[in-house]
Full PDB file with SEQRES, HELIX, SHEET, SSBOND, CRYST1, ORIGX, SCALE, CONECT and MASTER records, all heavy atoms in Angstrom:
SEQRES   1 A   33  LEU SER LEU TRP ASP ASP LYS ASN LYS SER THR LEU ARG          
SEQRES   2 A   33  ILE ASP LEU TRP THR LYS ASP MET PRO VAL ASP GLU MET          
SEQRES   3 A   33  LYS ARG PHE TYR LEU ASP CYS                                  
HELIX    1 AA1 VAL A   23  ASP A   32  1                                  10    
SHEET    1 AA1 2 SER A   2  ASP A   5  0                                        
SHEET    2 AA1 2 SER A  10  ARG A  13 -1                                        
CRYST1    1.000    1.000    1.000  90.00  90.00  90.00 P 1           1          
ORIGX1      1.000000  0.000000  0.000000        0.00000                         
ORIGX2      0.000000  1.000000  0.000000        0.00000                         
ORIGX3      0.000000  0.000000  1.000000        0.00000                         
SCALE1      1.000000  0.000000  0.000000        0.00000                         
SCALE2      0.000000  1.000000  0.000000        0.00000                         
SCALE3      0.000000  0.000000  1.000000        0.00000                         
ATOM      1  N   LEU A   1      -0.184   1.525  -4.082  1.00  0.00           N  
ATOM      2  CA  LEU A   1       0.502   2.167  -5.109  1.00  0.00           C  
ATOM      3  C   LEU A   1       1.522   3.030  -4.686  1.00  0.00           C  
ATOM      4  O   LEU A   1       1.350   3.919  -3.724  1.00  0.00           O  
ATOM      5  CB  LEU A   1      -0.592   3.001  -5.850  1.00  0.00           C  
ATOM      6  CG  LEU A   1      -0.098   3.882  -7.102  1.00  0.00           C  
ATOM      7  CD1 LEU A   1       0.439   2.889  -8.253  1.00  0.00           C  
ATOM      8  CD2 LEU A   1      -1.282   4.758  -7.570  1.00  0.00           C  
ATOM      9  N   SER A   2       2.726   2.888  -5.143  1.00  0.00           N  
ATOM     10  CA  SER A   2       3.981   3.765  -4.767  1.00  0.00           C  
ATOM     11  C   SER A   2       4.527   4.341  -5.982  1.00  0.00           C  
ATOM     12  O   SER A   2       4.677   3.722  -7.041  1.00  0.00           O  
ATOM     13  CB  SER A   2       4.950   2.900  -4.136  1.00  0.00           C  
ATOM     14  OG  SER A   2       4.528   2.142  -2.947  1.00  0.00           O  
ATOM     15  N   LEU A   3       4.717   5.654  -5.811  1.00  0.00           N  
ATOM     16  CA  LEU A   3       5.444   6.444  -6.958  1.00  0.00           C  
ATOM     17  C   LEU A   3       6.534   7.190  -6.360  1.00  0.00           C  
ATOM     18  O   LEU A   3       6.589   7.713  -5.242  1.00  0.00           O  
ATOM     19  CB  LEU A   3       4.322   7.584  -7.481  1.00  0.00           C  
ATOM     20  CG  LEU A   3       2.990   6.899  -7.918  1.00  0.00           C  
ATOM     21  CD1 LEU A   3       1.926   8.006  -7.944  1.00  0.00           C  
ATOM     22  CD2 LEU A   3       3.041   6.216  -9.172  1.00  0.00           C  
ATOM     23  N   TRP A   4       7.606   7.278  -7.264  1.00  0.00           N  
ATOM     24  CA  TRP A   4       8.810   7.913  -6.832  1.00  0.00           C  
ATOM     25  C   TRP A   4       8.695   9.379  -7.208  1.00  0.00           C  
ATOM     26  O   TRP A   4       8.505   9.728  -8.341  1.00  0.00           O  
ATOM     27  CB  TRP A   4      10.150   7.253  -7.408  1.00  0.00           C  
ATOM     28  CG  TRP A   4      11.256   7.988  -7.119  1.00  0.00           C  
ATOM     29  CD1 TRP A   4      12.058   8.707  -7.876  1.00  0.00           C  
ATOM     30  CD2 TRP A   4      11.965   8.027  -5.732  1.00  0.00           C  
ATOM     31  NE1 TRP A   4      13.233   9.224  -7.162  1.00  0.00           N  
ATOM     32  CE2 TRP A   4      13.148   8.719  -5.862  1.00  0.00           C  
ATOM     33  CE3 TRP A   4      11.494   7.511  -4.554  1.00  0.00           C  
ATOM     34  CZ2 TRP A   4      13.887   8.964  -4.809  1.00  0.00           C  
ATOM     35  CZ3 TRP A   4      12.413   7.635  -3.391  1.00  0.00           C  
ATOM     36  CH2 TRP A   4      13.590   8.462  -3.627  1.00  0.00           C  
ATOM     37  N   ASP A   5       8.747  10.308  -6.230  1.00  0.00           N  
ATOM     38  CA  ASP A   5       8.886  11.689  -6.515  1.00  0.00           C  
ATOM     39  C   ASP A   5      10.291  12.166  -6.691  1.00  0.00           C  
ATOM     40  O   ASP A   5      10.987  12.397  -5.747  1.00  0.00           O  
ATOM     41  CB  ASP A   5       8.287  12.463  -5.342  1.00  0.00           C  
ATOM     42  CG  ASP A   5       8.185  13.910  -5.500  1.00  0.00           C  
ATOM     43  OD1 ASP A   5       8.881  14.508  -6.472  1.00  0.00           O  
ATOM     44  OD2 ASP A   5       7.527  14.653  -4.837  1.00  0.00           O  
ATOM     45  N   ASP A   6      10.794  12.222  -7.897  1.00  0.00           N  
ATOM     46  CA  ASP A   6      12.217  12.508  -8.152  1.00  0.00           C  
ATOM     47  C   ASP A   6      12.632  13.920  -7.619  1.00  0.00           C  
ATOM     48  O   ASP A   6      13.736  14.063  -7.225  1.00  0.00           O  
ATOM     49  CB  ASP A   6      12.460  12.442  -9.728  1.00  0.00           C  
ATOM     50  CG  ASP A   6      13.963  12.497  -9.960  1.00  0.00           C  
ATOM     51  OD1 ASP A   6      14.752  11.759  -9.336  1.00  0.00           O  
ATOM     52  OD2 ASP A   6      14.260  13.318 -10.840  1.00  0.00           O  
ATOM     53  N   LYS A   7      11.687  14.820  -7.710  1.00  0.00           N  
ATOM     54  CA  LYS A   7      11.994  16.116  -7.180  1.00  0.00           C  
ATOM     55  C   LYS A   7      12.377  16.275  -5.734  1.00  0.00           C  
ATOM     56  O   LYS A   7      13.230  16.819  -5.283  1.00  0.00           O  
ATOM     57  CB  LYS A   7      10.909  17.213  -7.534  1.00  0.00           C  
ATOM     58  CG  LYS A   7      11.141  18.600  -7.176  1.00  0.00           C  
ATOM     59  CD  LYS A   7      10.034  19.451  -7.453  1.00  0.00           C  
ATOM     60  CE  LYS A   7      10.236  20.903  -7.015  1.00  0.00           C  
ATOM     61  NZ  LYS A   7       9.046  21.753  -7.232  1.00  0.00           N  
ATOM     62  N   ASN A   8      11.512  15.651  -4.985  1.00  0.00           N  
ATOM     63  CA  ASN A   8      11.687  15.574  -3.521  1.00  0.00           C  
ATOM     64  C   ASN A   8      12.365  14.397  -2.990  1.00  0.00           C  
ATOM     65  O   ASN A   8      12.654  14.268  -1.860  1.00  0.00           O  
ATOM     66  CB  ASN A   8      10.320  15.686  -2.833  1.00  0.00           C  
ATOM     67  CG  ASN A   8       9.632  17.016  -3.065  1.00  0.00           C  
ATOM     68  OD1 ASN A   8      10.206  17.987  -2.857  1.00  0.00           O  
ATOM     69  ND2 ASN A   8       8.441  16.896  -3.531  1.00  0.00           N  
ATOM     70  N   LYS A   9      12.722  13.482  -3.973  1.00  0.00           N  
ATOM     71  CA  LYS A   9      13.517  12.154  -3.604  1.00  0.00           C  
ATOM     72  C   LYS A   9      12.732  11.495  -2.382  1.00  0.00           C  
ATOM     73  O   LYS A   9      13.256  11.106  -1.387  1.00  0.00           O  
ATOM     74  CB  LYS A   9      15.041  12.475  -3.166  1.00  0.00           C  
ATOM     75  CG  LYS A   9      15.759  13.245  -4.158  1.00  0.00           C  
ATOM     76  CD  LYS A   9      15.865  12.502  -5.380  1.00  0.00           C  
ATOM     77  CE  LYS A   9      16.873  13.227  -6.450  1.00  0.00           C  
ATOM     78  NZ  LYS A   9      16.427  12.853  -7.791  1.00  0.00           N  
ATOM     79  N   SER A  10      11.526  11.284  -2.652  1.00  0.00           N  
ATOM     80  CA  SER A  10      10.673  10.465  -1.754  1.00  0.00           C  
ATOM     81  C   SER A  10       9.554   9.833  -2.436  1.00  0.00           C  
ATOM     82  O   SER A  10       9.355   9.895  -3.493  1.00  0.00           O  
ATOM     83  CB  SER A  10      10.086  11.482  -0.717  1.00  0.00           C  
ATOM     84  OG  SER A  10       9.173  12.349  -1.432  1.00  0.00           O  
ATOM     85  N   THR A  11       9.118   8.790  -1.674  1.00  0.00           N  
ATOM     86  CA  THR A  11       8.014   7.869  -2.305  1.00  0.00           C  
ATOM     87  C   THR A  11       6.647   8.471  -1.868  1.00  0.00           C  
ATOM     88  O   THR A  11       6.315   8.904  -0.681  1.00  0.00           O  
ATOM     89  CB  THR A  11       8.087   6.568  -1.601  1.00  0.00           C  
ATOM     90  OG1 THR A  11       9.353   6.072  -1.927  1.00  0.00           O  
ATOM     91  CG2 THR A  11       7.067   5.669  -2.175  1.00  0.00           C  
ATOM     92  N   LEU A  12       5.734   8.452  -2.831  1.00  0.00           N  
ATOM     93  CA  LEU A  12       4.342   8.931  -2.696  1.00  0.00           C  
ATOM     94  C   LEU A  12       3.501   7.677  -2.544  1.00  0.00           C  
ATOM     95  O   LEU A  12       3.781   6.785  -3.548  1.00  0.00           O  
ATOM     96  CB  LEU A  12       3.765   9.878  -3.812  1.00  0.00           C  
ATOM     97  CG  LEU A  12       4.673  11.098  -4.082  1.00  0.00           C  
ATOM     98  CD1 LEU A  12       4.141  11.748  -5.387  1.00  0.00           C  
ATOM     99  CD2 LEU A  12       4.442  11.961  -2.818  1.00  0.00           C  
ATOM    100  N   ARG A  13       2.614   7.527  -1.679  1.00  0.00           N  
ATOM    101  CA  ARG A  13       1.866   6.220  -1.447  1.00  0.00           C  
ATOM    102  C   ARG A  13       0.469   6.395  -1.403  1.00  0.00           C  
ATOM    103  O   ARG A  13      -0.071   7.346  -0.801  1.00  0.00           O  
ATOM    104  CB  ARG A  13       2.249   5.471  -0.261  1.00  0.00           C  
ATOM    105  CG  ARG A  13       3.864   5.018  -0.255  1.00  0.00           C  
ATOM    106  CD  ARG A  13       4.287   4.286   1.076  1.00  0.00           C  
ATOM    107  NE  ARG A  13       3.289   3.331   1.416  1.00  0.00           N  
ATOM    108  CZ  ARG A  13       3.202   2.019   0.948  1.00  0.00           C  
ATOM    109  NH1 ARG A  13       4.092   1.679   0.149  1.00  0.00           N  
ATOM    110  NH2 ARG A  13       2.403   1.212   1.429  1.00  0.00           N  
ATOM    111  N   ILE A  14      -0.183   5.442  -1.998  1.00  0.00           N  
ATOM    112  CA  ILE A  14      -1.707   5.345  -1.855  1.00  0.00           C  
ATOM    113  C   ILE A  14      -2.092   3.891  -1.486  1.00  0.00           C  
ATOM    114  O   ILE A  14      -1.839   2.898  -2.247  1.00  0.00           O  
ATOM    115  CB  ILE A  14      -2.551   5.726  -3.174  1.00  0.00           C  
ATOM    116  CG1 ILE A  14      -2.181   7.116  -3.487  1.00  0.00           C  
ATOM    117  CG2 ILE A  14      -4.012   5.531  -2.986  1.00  0.00           C  
ATOM    118  CD1 ILE A  14      -2.768   7.463  -4.978  1.00  0.00           C  
ATOM    119  N   ASP A  15      -2.500   3.709  -0.177  1.00  0.00           N  
ATOM    120  CA  ASP A  15      -2.863   2.397   0.256  1.00  0.00           C  
ATOM    121  C   ASP A  15      -4.344   2.559   0.719  1.00  0.00           C  
ATOM    122  O   ASP A  15      -4.844   3.353   1.471  1.00  0.00           O  
ATOM    123  CB  ASP A  15      -2.188   2.072   1.529  1.00  0.00           C  
ATOM    124  CG  ASP A  15      -0.634   1.910   1.214  1.00  0.00           C  
ATOM    125  OD1 ASP A  15      -0.223   0.983   0.425  1.00  0.00           O  
ATOM    126  OD2 ASP A  15       0.169   2.569   1.818  1.00  0.00           O  
ATOM    127  N   LEU A  16      -5.109   1.738   0.068  1.00  0.00           N  
ATOM    128  CA  LEU A  16      -6.547   1.624   0.148  1.00  0.00           C  
ATOM    129  C   LEU A  16      -7.011   0.238   0.382  1.00  0.00           C  
ATOM    130  O   LEU A  16      -6.560  -0.724  -0.280  1.00  0.00           O  
ATOM    131  CB  LEU A  16      -7.336   2.251  -0.979  1.00  0.00           C  
ATOM    132  CG  LEU A  16      -7.154   3.720  -1.285  1.00  0.00           C  
ATOM    133  CD1 LEU A  16      -7.814   4.021  -2.697  1.00  0.00           C  
ATOM    134  CD2 LEU A  16      -7.605   4.534  -0.134  1.00  0.00           C  
ATOM    135  N   TRP A  17      -8.086   0.039   1.173  1.00  0.00           N  
ATOM    136  CA  TRP A  17      -8.741  -1.226   1.346  1.00  0.00           C  
ATOM    137  C   TRP A  17     -10.197  -1.078   1.595  1.00  0.00           C  
ATOM    138  O   TRP A  17     -10.614  -0.108   2.191  1.00  0.00           O  
ATOM    139  CB  TRP A  17      -8.039  -2.080   2.376  1.00  0.00           C  
ATOM    140  CG  TRP A  17      -7.973  -1.464   3.801  1.00  0.00           C  
ATOM    141  CD1 TRP A  17      -8.870  -1.493   4.762  1.00  0.00           C  
ATOM    142  CD2 TRP A  17      -6.950  -0.631   4.087  1.00  0.00           C  
ATOM    143  NE1 TRP A  17      -8.443  -0.775   5.773  1.00  0.00           N  
ATOM    144  CE2 TRP A  17      -7.269  -0.176   5.450  1.00  0.00           C  
ATOM    145  CE3 TRP A  17      -5.737  -0.135   3.578  1.00  0.00           C  
ATOM    146  CZ2 TRP A  17      -6.422   0.707   6.234  1.00  0.00           C  
ATOM    147  CZ3 TRP A  17      -4.937   0.687   4.357  1.00  0.00           C  
ATOM    148  CH2 TRP A  17      -5.251   1.144   5.650  1.00  0.00           C  
ATOM    149  N   THR A  18     -11.143  -1.966   1.232  1.00  0.00           N  
ATOM    150  CA  THR A  18     -12.502  -1.897   1.466  1.00  0.00           C  
ATOM    151  C   THR A  18     -12.785  -2.244   2.948  1.00  0.00           C  
ATOM    152  O   THR A  18     -12.034  -2.917   3.480  1.00  0.00           O  
ATOM    153  CB  THR A  18     -13.384  -2.800   0.354  1.00  0.00           C  
ATOM    154  OG1 THR A  18     -12.871  -4.050   0.766  1.00  0.00           O  
ATOM    155  CG2 THR A  18     -13.058  -2.472  -0.944  1.00  0.00           C  
ATOM    156  N   LYS A  19     -13.971  -1.762   3.415  1.00  0.00           N  
ATOM    157  CA  LYS A  19     -14.189  -2.018   4.850  1.00  0.00           C  
ATOM    158  C   LYS A  19     -14.476  -3.433   5.011  1.00  0.00           C  
ATOM    159  O   LYS A  19     -14.558  -3.845   6.273  1.00  0.00           O  
ATOM    160  CB  LYS A  19     -15.290  -1.115   5.276  1.00  0.00           C  
ATOM    161  CG  LYS A  19     -16.564  -0.959   4.500  1.00  0.00           C  
ATOM    162  CD  LYS A  19     -17.449   0.043   4.938  1.00  0.00           C  
ATOM    163  CE  LYS A  19     -18.625   0.399   4.086  1.00  0.00           C  
ATOM    164  NZ  LYS A  19     -19.431   1.522   4.641  1.00  0.00           N  
ATOM    165  N   ASP A  20     -14.855  -4.262   4.080  1.00  0.00           N  
ATOM    166  CA  ASP A  20     -15.028  -5.740   4.274  1.00  0.00           C  
ATOM    167  C   ASP A  20     -13.820  -6.570   3.939  1.00  0.00           C  
ATOM    168  O   ASP A  20     -13.917  -7.746   4.062  1.00  0.00           O  
ATOM    169  CB  ASP A  20     -16.146  -6.121   3.400  1.00  0.00           C  
ATOM    170  CG  ASP A  20     -15.934  -6.090   1.896  1.00  0.00           C  
ATOM    171  OD1 ASP A  20     -14.971  -5.369   1.501  1.00  0.00           O  
ATOM    172  OD2 ASP A  20     -16.667  -6.833   1.114  1.00  0.00           O  
ATOM    173  N   MET A  21     -12.642  -5.990   3.911  1.00  0.00           N  
ATOM    174  CA  MET A  21     -11.400  -6.650   3.731  1.00  0.00           C  
ATOM    175  C   MET A  21     -11.079  -7.327   5.148  1.00  0.00           C  
ATOM    176  O   MET A  21     -10.779  -6.737   5.999  1.00  0.00           O  
ATOM    177  CB  MET A  21     -10.197  -5.750   3.214  1.00  0.00           C  
ATOM    178  CG  MET A  21      -8.799  -6.392   3.275  1.00  0.00           C  
ATOM    179  SD  MET A  21      -8.779  -7.317   1.650  1.00  0.00           S  
ATOM    180  CE  MET A  21      -6.998  -7.710   1.706  1.00  0.00           C  
ATOM    181  N   PRO A  22     -10.967  -8.770   5.127  1.00  0.00           N  
ATOM    182  CA  PRO A  22     -10.675  -9.400   6.478  1.00  0.00           C  
ATOM    183  C   PRO A  22      -9.217  -9.078   6.767  1.00  0.00           C  
ATOM    184  O   PRO A  22      -8.452  -8.920   5.994  1.00  0.00           O  
ATOM    185  CB  PRO A  22     -10.813 -10.822   6.083  1.00  0.00           C  
ATOM    186  CG  PRO A  22     -11.723 -10.912   4.865  1.00  0.00           C  
ATOM    187  CD  PRO A  22     -11.482  -9.673   4.125  1.00  0.00           C  
ATOM    188  N   VAL A  23      -9.091  -8.954   8.058  1.00  0.00           N  
ATOM    189  CA  VAL A  23      -7.714  -8.531   8.644  1.00  0.00           C  
ATOM    190  C   VAL A  23      -6.736  -9.625   8.303  1.00  0.00           C  
ATOM    191  O   VAL A  23      -5.559  -9.368   7.728  1.00  0.00           O  
ATOM    192  CB  VAL A  23      -7.698  -8.536  10.239  1.00  0.00           C  
ATOM    193  CG1 VAL A  23      -6.310  -8.439  10.810  1.00  0.00           C  
ATOM    194  CG2 VAL A  23      -8.570  -7.366  10.515  1.00  0.00           C  
ATOM    195  N   ASP A  24      -6.888 -11.030   8.277  1.00  0.00           N  
ATOM    196  CA  ASP A  24      -5.978 -11.955   7.928  1.00  0.00           C  
ATOM    197  C   ASP A  24      -5.530 -11.839   6.431  1.00  0.00           C  
ATOM    198  O   ASP A  24      -4.453 -12.007   6.084  1.00  0.00           O  
ATOM    199  CB  ASP A  24      -6.480 -13.376   8.167  1.00  0.00           C  
ATOM    200  CG  ASP A  24      -7.670 -13.799   7.542  1.00  0.00           C  
ATOM    201  OD1 ASP A  24      -8.700 -12.902   7.276  1.00  0.00           O  
ATOM    202  OD2 ASP A  24      -7.957 -14.935   7.122  1.00  0.00           O  
ATOM    203  N   GLU A  25      -6.591 -11.439   5.447  1.00  0.00           N  
ATOM    204  CA  GLU A  25      -6.218 -11.302   4.154  1.00  0.00           C  
ATOM    205  C   GLU A  25      -5.412 -10.041   4.051  1.00  0.00           C  
ATOM    206  O   GLU A  25      -4.474  -9.976   3.050  1.00  0.00           O  
ATOM    207  CB  GLU A  25      -7.450 -11.189   3.300  1.00  0.00           C  
ATOM    208  CG  GLU A  25      -8.174 -12.652   3.200  1.00  0.00           C  
ATOM    209  CD  GLU A  25      -9.397 -12.442   2.291  1.00  0.00           C  
ATOM    210  OE1 GLU A  25      -9.515 -11.516   1.286  1.00  0.00           O  
ATOM    211  OE2 GLU A  25     -10.287 -13.356   2.443  1.00  0.00           O  
ATOM    212  N   MET A  26      -5.558  -9.011   4.740  1.00  0.00           N  
ATOM    213  CA  MET A  26      -4.844  -7.798   4.690  1.00  0.00           C  
ATOM    214  C   MET A  26      -3.371  -8.216   5.054  1.00  0.00           C  
ATOM    215  O   MET A  26      -2.451  -7.601   4.292  1.00  0.00           O  
ATOM    216  CB  MET A  26      -5.397  -6.736   5.598  1.00  0.00           C  
ATOM    217  CG  MET A  26      -4.641  -5.460   5.618  1.00  0.00           C  
ATOM    218  SD  MET A  26      -4.657  -4.568   3.988  1.00  0.00           S  
ATOM    219  CE  MET A  26      -6.290  -3.944   4.039  1.00  0.00           C  
ATOM    220  N   LYS A  27      -3.069  -8.924   6.109  1.00  0.00           N  
ATOM    221  CA  LYS A  27      -1.737  -9.253   6.401  1.00  0.00           C  
ATOM    222  C   LYS A  27      -1.091 -10.036   5.383  1.00  0.00           C  
ATOM    223  O   LYS A  27       0.038  -9.926   5.040  1.00  0.00           O  
ATOM    224  CB  LYS A  27      -1.753 -10.049   7.747  1.00  0.00           C  
ATOM    225  CG  LYS A  27      -2.130  -9.199   8.989  1.00  0.00           C  
ATOM    226  CD  LYS A  27      -2.165 -10.147  10.190  1.00  0.00           C  
ATOM    227  CE  LYS A  27      -2.498  -9.301  11.372  1.00  0.00           C  
ATOM    228  NZ  LYS A  27      -2.470 -10.182  12.625  1.00  0.00           N  
ATOM    229  N   ARG A  28      -1.945 -10.964   4.761  1.00  0.00           N  
ATOM    230  CA  ARG A  28      -1.348 -11.756   3.519  1.00  0.00           C  
ATOM    231  C   ARG A  28      -1.043 -10.822   2.455  1.00  0.00           C  
ATOM    232  O   ARG A  28       0.066 -11.023   1.696  1.00  0.00           O  
ATOM    233  CB  ARG A  28      -2.362 -12.729   3.200  1.00  0.00           C  
ATOM    234  CG  ARG A  28      -1.905 -13.671   2.040  1.00  0.00           C  
ATOM    235  CD  ARG A  28      -0.759 -14.412   2.264  1.00  0.00           C  
ATOM    236  NE  ARG A  28      -0.206 -14.989   1.064  1.00  0.00           N  
ATOM    237  CZ  ARG A  28      -0.358 -16.310   0.722  1.00  0.00           C  
ATOM    238  NH1 ARG A  28      -1.118 -17.052   1.464  1.00  0.00           N  
ATOM    239  NH2 ARG A  28       0.251 -16.650  -0.416  1.00  0.00           N  
ATOM    240  N   PHE A  29      -1.834  -9.882   2.142  1.00  0.00           N  
ATOM    241  CA  PHE A  29      -1.591  -8.926   1.098  1.00  0.00           C  
ATOM    242  C   PHE A  29      -0.308  -8.209   1.215  1.00  0.00           C  
ATOM    243  O   PHE A  29       0.405  -8.159   0.227  1.00  0.00           O  
ATOM    244  CB  PHE A  29      -2.810  -7.929   0.969  1.00  0.00           C  
ATOM    245  CG  PHE A  29      -2.626  -6.794   0.088  1.00  0.00           C  
ATOM    246  CD1 PHE A  29      -2.536  -6.940  -1.362  1.00  0.00           C  
ATOM    247  CD2 PHE A  29      -2.379  -5.566   0.583  1.00  0.00           C  
ATOM    248  CE1 PHE A  29      -2.411  -5.965  -2.163  1.00  0.00           C  
ATOM    249  CE2 PHE A  29      -2.267  -4.454  -0.319  1.00  0.00           C  
ATOM    250  CZ  PHE A  29      -2.333  -4.657  -1.673  1.00  0.00           C  
ATOM    251  N   TYR A  30      -0.150  -7.626   2.455  1.00  0.00           N  
ATOM    252  CA  TYR A  30       1.069  -6.997   2.616  1.00  0.00           C  
ATOM    253  C   TYR A  30       2.371  -7.844   2.686  1.00  0.00           C  
ATOM    254  O   TYR A  30       3.355  -7.455   2.160  1.00  0.00           O  
ATOM    255  CB  TYR A  30       1.019  -6.115   3.864  1.00  0.00           C  
ATOM    256  CG  TYR A  30       0.293  -4.774   3.646  1.00  0.00           C  
ATOM    257  CD1 TYR A  30      -1.115  -4.610   4.114  1.00  0.00           C  
ATOM    258  CD2 TYR A  30       0.819  -3.843   2.807  1.00  0.00           C  
ATOM    259  CE1 TYR A  30      -1.728  -3.391   3.866  1.00  0.00           C  
ATOM    260  CE2 TYR A  30       0.075  -2.722   2.574  1.00  0.00           C  
ATOM    261  CZ  TYR A  30      -1.184  -2.417   3.096  1.00  0.00           C  
ATOM    262  OH  TYR A  30      -1.894  -1.338   2.695  1.00  0.00           O  
ATOM    263  N   LEU A  31       2.139  -9.024   3.166  1.00  0.00           N  
ATOM    264  CA  LEU A  31       3.353 -10.025   3.118  1.00  0.00           C  
ATOM    265  C   LEU A  31       3.654 -10.340   1.667  1.00  0.00           C  
ATOM    266  O   LEU A  31       4.850 -10.300   1.283  1.00  0.00           O  
ATOM    267  CB  LEU A  31       3.021 -11.251   3.880  1.00  0.00           C  
ATOM    268  CG  LEU A  31       3.975 -12.323   3.850  1.00  0.00           C  
ATOM    269  CD1 LEU A  31       5.275 -11.796   4.451  1.00  0.00           C  
ATOM    270  CD2 LEU A  31       3.425 -13.476   4.627  1.00  0.00           C  
ATOM    271  N   ASP A  32       2.620 -10.493   0.760  1.00  0.00           N  
ATOM    272  CA  ASP A  32       2.887 -10.678  -0.597  1.00  0.00           C  
ATOM    273  C   ASP A  32       3.486  -9.548  -1.240  1.00  0.00           C  
ATOM    274  O   ASP A  32       4.377  -9.607  -2.210  1.00  0.00           O  
ATOM    275  CB  ASP A  32       1.547 -10.940  -1.345  1.00  0.00           C  
ATOM    276  CG  ASP A  32       1.061 -12.452  -1.014  1.00  0.00           C  
ATOM    277  OD1 ASP A  32       1.793 -13.201  -0.522  1.00  0.00           O  
ATOM    278  OD2 ASP A  32      -0.119 -12.668  -1.512  1.00  0.00           O  
ATOM    279  N   CYS A  33       3.162  -8.220  -0.838  1.00  0.00           N  
ATOM    280  CA  CYS A  33       3.842  -7.030  -1.424  1.00  0.00           C  
ATOM    281  C   CYS A  33       5.188  -7.029  -1.040  1.00  0.00           C  
ATOM    282  O   CYS A  33       6.095  -6.697  -1.855  1.00  0.00           O  
ATOM    283  CB  CYS A  33       3.078  -5.832  -0.859  1.00  0.00           C  
ATOM    284  SG  CYS A  33       1.470  -5.543  -1.511  1.00  0.00           S  
TER     285      CYS A  33                                                      
MASTER        0    0    0    1    2    0    0    6  284    1    0    3          
END                                                                             
C-alpha cells in the first residue's frame, strides 16, 4: 500500500507478507506491482 503525503512530498508505504509466502511468488508479486 502506497500513500502520497502531500505535506512532506513523500510516499508512505506499508508492505506486508505472511510468513508462508513463497519467495518465488513474492518476486512475481513485486514484478506484477
